[in-house]
Amino acid sequence: MKRRIVWSRLIGIVASMALLAVSAVMAGEHAYVGSKKCKMCHIKEWNSWSETKMAKAFEQLKSGMAAEAKKKAGLDASKDYTQDATCLPCHTTGHGKPGGFTDIATTPDLAGVGCEMCHGAGGTYTQSHYMTLNNKEYKKADLVAVGLIGEITQAQCAVCHNSKSPFVGAGYVFDFAARKEQGTHAKSPLKYPH
């Protein structure tokens, strides 16, 4: 009897999670899965990204980190900003969105600016019938239709890289072309046509 109750509860939980995922996709929202999921197939890109300021953006919010930059920006260098709602959208992955960063205890894999901030929340396009090792025949257009960002744009970067940041002046202009050329991670050629 107890097993039946446990199984029925488990089935109910799984069904609820599936319904939430389907609802999110239908609403145009895709859940975040974290950069470790990307690492499984894109190890070279992940390794180079993990050394960037973007990967370490959450660390900069901690007390004592980036002290000179914080002082110059008029911020308290001794304050811990890791729970500051004005900082988290640009220092974490998916803050305030389905499956996105909530706090370091609950969603540690989404601390920092991860793959999904540029490439879109992977909750749908990383499923088995899309981009996986088991499906080498996937098409980029199919992935874009379910959340992959096909082309990274200046507007996308400007959500965080803008004059509202306390670290830049009012006349700040994000140099998208230079930053895109400089890159944020290594880029490997695709093994299969997509």
Protein backbone atom coordinates (compact mmCIF):
# COMPACT_ATOMS: atom_id res chain seq x y z
CA MET A 1 0.00 0.00 0.00
CA LYS A 2 2.79 2.43 0.92
CA ARG A 3 4.61 1.66 -2.34
CA ARG A 4 1.48 2.44 -4.33
CA ILE A 5 1.14 5.82 -2.57
CA VAL A 6 4.82 6.63 -3.13
CA TRP A 7 4.59 5.66 -6.82
CA SER A 8 1.40 7.63 -7.36
CA ARG A 9 2.98 10.70 -5.75
CA LEU A 10 6.12 10.27 -7.84
CA ILE A 11 4.07 9.94 -11.01
CA GLY A 12 2.09 13.04 -10.01
CA ILE A 13 5.28 15.03 -9.47
CA VAL A 14 6.77 13.92 -12.79
CA ALA A 15 3.53 14.71 -14.61
CA SER A 16 3.39 18.17 -12.98
CA MET A 17 6.97 18.89 -14.00
CA ALA A 18 6.26 17.79 -17.58
CA LEU A 19 3.17 19.99 -17.68
CA LEU A 20 5.16 22.97 -16.42
CA ALA A 21 7.83 22.38 -19.05
CA VAL A 22 5.23 22.12 -21.83
CA SER A 23 3.47 25.24 -20.54
CA ALA A 24 6.73 27.16 -20.47
CA VAL A 25 7.54 26.16 -24.06
CA MET A 26 4.06 27.04 -25.25
CA ALA A 27 4.38 30.43 -23.56
CA GLY A 28 7.68 31.00 -25.36
CA GLU A 29 9.75 30.42 -22.23
CA HIS A 30 12.35 27.69 -22.09
CA ALA A 31 13.86 26.43 -18.84
CA TYR A 32 17.54 26.86 -18.06
CA VAL A 33 19.73 23.79 -17.65
CA GLY A 34 23.14 25.28 -16.80
CA SER A 35 26.46 25.36 -18.63
CA LYS A 36 27.54 21.95 -17.34
CA LYS A 37 24.96 20.42 -19.69
CA CYS A 38 26.68 22.21 -22.60
CA LYS A 39 30.10 21.04 -21.42
CA MET A 40 29.25 17.42 -22.21
CA CYS A 41 29.53 18.09 -25.95
CA HIS A 42 31.27 21.46 -26.15
CA ILE A 43 34.26 20.88 -23.86
CA LYS A 44 36.71 23.17 -25.72
CA GLU A 45 34.22 26.05 -25.68
CA TRP A 46 33.31 25.42 -22.04
CA ASN A 47 36.94 25.30 -20.92
CA SER A 48 37.80 28.61 -22.57
CA TRP A 49 34.53 30.25 -21.41
CA SER A 50 35.17 29.13 -17.81
CA GLU A 51 38.23 31.42 -17.71
CA THR A 52 36.30 34.54 -18.80
CA LYS A 53 34.89 37.43 -16.78
CA MET A 54 31.43 36.30 -17.83
CA ALA A 55 31.89 32.89 -16.21
CA LYS A 56 33.15 34.58 -13.04
CA ALA A 57 30.60 37.44 -12.99
CA PHE A 58 28.81 36.16 -9.87
CA GLU A 59 32.09 36.11 -7.90
CA GLN A 60 32.43 39.86 -8.48
CA LEU A 61 29.30 40.42 -6.37
CA LYS A 62 30.92 38.98 -3.24
CA SER A 63 32.21 41.17 -0.46
CA GLY A 64 35.75 42.36 -1.12
CA MET A 65 35.83 41.20 -4.74
CA ALA A 66 36.59 43.82 -7.43
CA ALA A 67 37.07 46.30 -4.59
CA GLU A 68 38.73 49.03 -6.65
CA ALA A 69 36.12 48.87 -9.42
CA LYS A 70 33.31 48.98 -6.84
CA LYS A 71 34.85 51.97 -5.05
CA LYS A 72 35.32 53.79 -8.36
CA ALA A 73 31.65 53.12 -9.19
CA GLY A 74 30.54 54.48 -5.82
CA LEU A 75 29.60 51.07 -4.43
CA ASP A 76 30.44 49.65 -1.02
CA ALA A 77 33.31 47.21 -1.68
CA SER A 78 32.66 45.43 1.62
CA LYS A 79 28.99 44.74 0.84
CA ASP A 80 27.83 41.33 -0.38
CA TYR A 81 25.74 41.91 -3.54
CA THR A 82 25.04 38.20 -4.22
CA GLN A 83 21.37 38.64 -3.31
CA ASP A 84 20.88 42.10 -4.78
CA ALA A 85 18.03 41.92 -7.31
CA THR A 86 19.47 44.81 -9.34
CA CYS A 87 22.77 42.94 -9.86
CA LEU A 88 21.63 39.35 -10.37
CA PRO A 89 20.10 39.66 -13.88
CA CYS A 90 23.52 40.55 -15.32
CA HIS A 91 25.71 38.40 -13.08
CA THR A 92 23.77 35.12 -13.26
CA THR A 93 22.03 32.99 -15.87
CA GLY A 94 18.28 33.33 -16.30
CA HIS A 95 17.52 35.21 -13.10
CA GLY A 96 13.77 35.74 -12.82
CA LYS A 97 12.92 33.32 -15.65
CA PRO A 98 11.66 29.68 -15.62
CA GLY A 99 14.43 27.45 -14.32
CA GLY A 100 16.81 30.40 -14.00
CA PHE A 101 19.07 31.41 -11.13
CA THR A 102 17.28 31.86 -7.82
CA ASP A 103 20.09 31.72 -5.26
CA ILE A 104 23.51 30.13 -4.87
CA ALA A 105 22.22 27.31 -2.65
CA THR A 106 19.40 26.27 -4.99
CA THR A 107 20.89 26.94 -8.45
CA PRO A 108 24.69 27.10 -8.11
CA ASP A 109 25.23 25.99 -11.74
CA LEU A 110 23.52 29.18 -12.93
CA ALA A 111 25.83 31.58 -11.07
CA GLY A 112 27.80 33.65 -13.56
CA VAL A 113 26.95 34.51 -17.15
CA GLY A 114 26.63 31.06 -18.68
CA CYS A 115 26.18 29.66 -22.17
CA GLU A 116 22.42 30.14 -22.11
CA MET A 117 22.64 33.91 -21.65
CA CYS A 118 23.97 34.12 -25.21
CA HIS A 119 22.63 30.95 -26.79
CA GLY A 120 19.19 30.77 -25.18
CA ALA A 121 17.74 28.63 -22.41
CA GLY A 122 18.49 25.00 -23.26
CA GLY A 123 15.62 23.25 -21.52
CA THR A 124 14.06 22.32 -24.83
CA TYR A 125 16.80 22.21 -27.46
CA THR A 126 19.03 19.92 -25.36
CA GLN A 127 16.37 17.19 -25.17
CA SER A 128 17.08 13.84 -26.81
CA HIS A 129 15.29 14.53 -30.11
CA TYR A 130 17.16 17.82 -30.61
CA MET A 131 20.82 18.64 -29.85
CA THR A 132 22.40 15.59 -28.22
CA LEU A 133 25.10 13.03 -28.89
CA ASN A 134 22.35 10.58 -29.85
CA ASN A 135 21.00 12.89 -32.55
CA LYS A 136 23.78 14.09 -34.83
CA GLU A 137 21.28 14.85 -37.59
CA TYR A 138 19.54 17.75 -35.84
CA LYS A 139 19.01 20.94 -37.82
CA LYS A 140 19.85 24.36 -36.47
CA ALA A 141 16.50 25.75 -37.64
CA ASP A 142 14.71 23.16 -35.49
CA LEU A 143 16.77 24.20 -32.45
CA VAL A 144 16.09 27.90 -33.08
CA ALA A 145 12.37 27.10 -33.19
CA VAL A 146 12.62 25.73 -29.64
CA GLY A 147 14.83 28.33 -27.98
CA LEU A 148 18.37 28.30 -29.38
CA ILE A 149 19.47 31.81 -30.30
CA GLY A 150 20.71 31.45 -33.86
CA GLU A 151 22.60 34.72 -34.12
CA ILE A 152 23.84 36.73 -31.14
CA THR A 153 22.99 40.41 -31.53
CA GLN A 154 24.14 43.70 -30.09
CA ALA A 155 20.69 44.26 -28.56
CA GLN A 156 21.01 40.97 -26.69
CA CYS A 157 24.35 42.01 -25.16
CA ALA A 158 23.14 45.56 -24.47
CA VAL A 159 20.63 44.24 -21.93
CA CYS A 160 23.59 44.24 -19.51
CA HIS A 161 26.33 46.10 -21.37
CA ASN A 162 24.78 49.57 -21.18
CA SER A 163 25.12 52.90 -19.38
CA LYS A 164 22.82 51.73 -16.55
CA SER A 165 25.72 49.71 -15.18
CA PRO A 166 27.39 51.50 -12.25
CA PHE A 167 30.78 50.58 -13.72
CA VAL A 168 30.56 52.71 -16.87
CA GLY A 169 29.78 56.35 -17.54
CA ALA A 170 26.63 57.86 -18.99
CA GLY A 171 28.17 58.04 -22.47
CA TYR A 172 29.20 54.38 -22.54
CA VAL A 173 28.69 52.56 -25.81
CA PHE A 174 29.21 48.81 -25.97
CA ASP A 175 31.52 47.94 -28.86
CA PHE A 176 29.70 44.84 -30.06
CA ALA A 177 31.81 44.30 -33.18
CA ALA A 178 35.08 44.36 -31.25
CA ARG A 179 33.78 42.15 -28.46
CA LYS A 180 32.29 39.68 -30.92
CA GLU A 181 35.59 39.55 -32.83
CA GLN A 182 37.49 39.11 -29.56
CA GLY A 183 35.07 36.35 -28.60
CA THR A 184 33.99 34.91 -25.32
CA HIS A 185 35.08 31.32 -25.89
CA ALA A 186 36.87 29.09 -28.35
CA LYS A 187 34.88 28.13 -31.40
CA SER A 188 35.20 24.66 -32.90
CA PRO A 189 33.96 23.75 -36.35
CA LEU A 190 30.86 21.55 -36.34
CA LYS A 191 31.51 17.85 -36.98
CA TYR A 192 28.19 17.37 -38.76
CA PRO A 193 26.28 19.63 -41.16
CA HIS A 194 23.31 21.37 -39.54
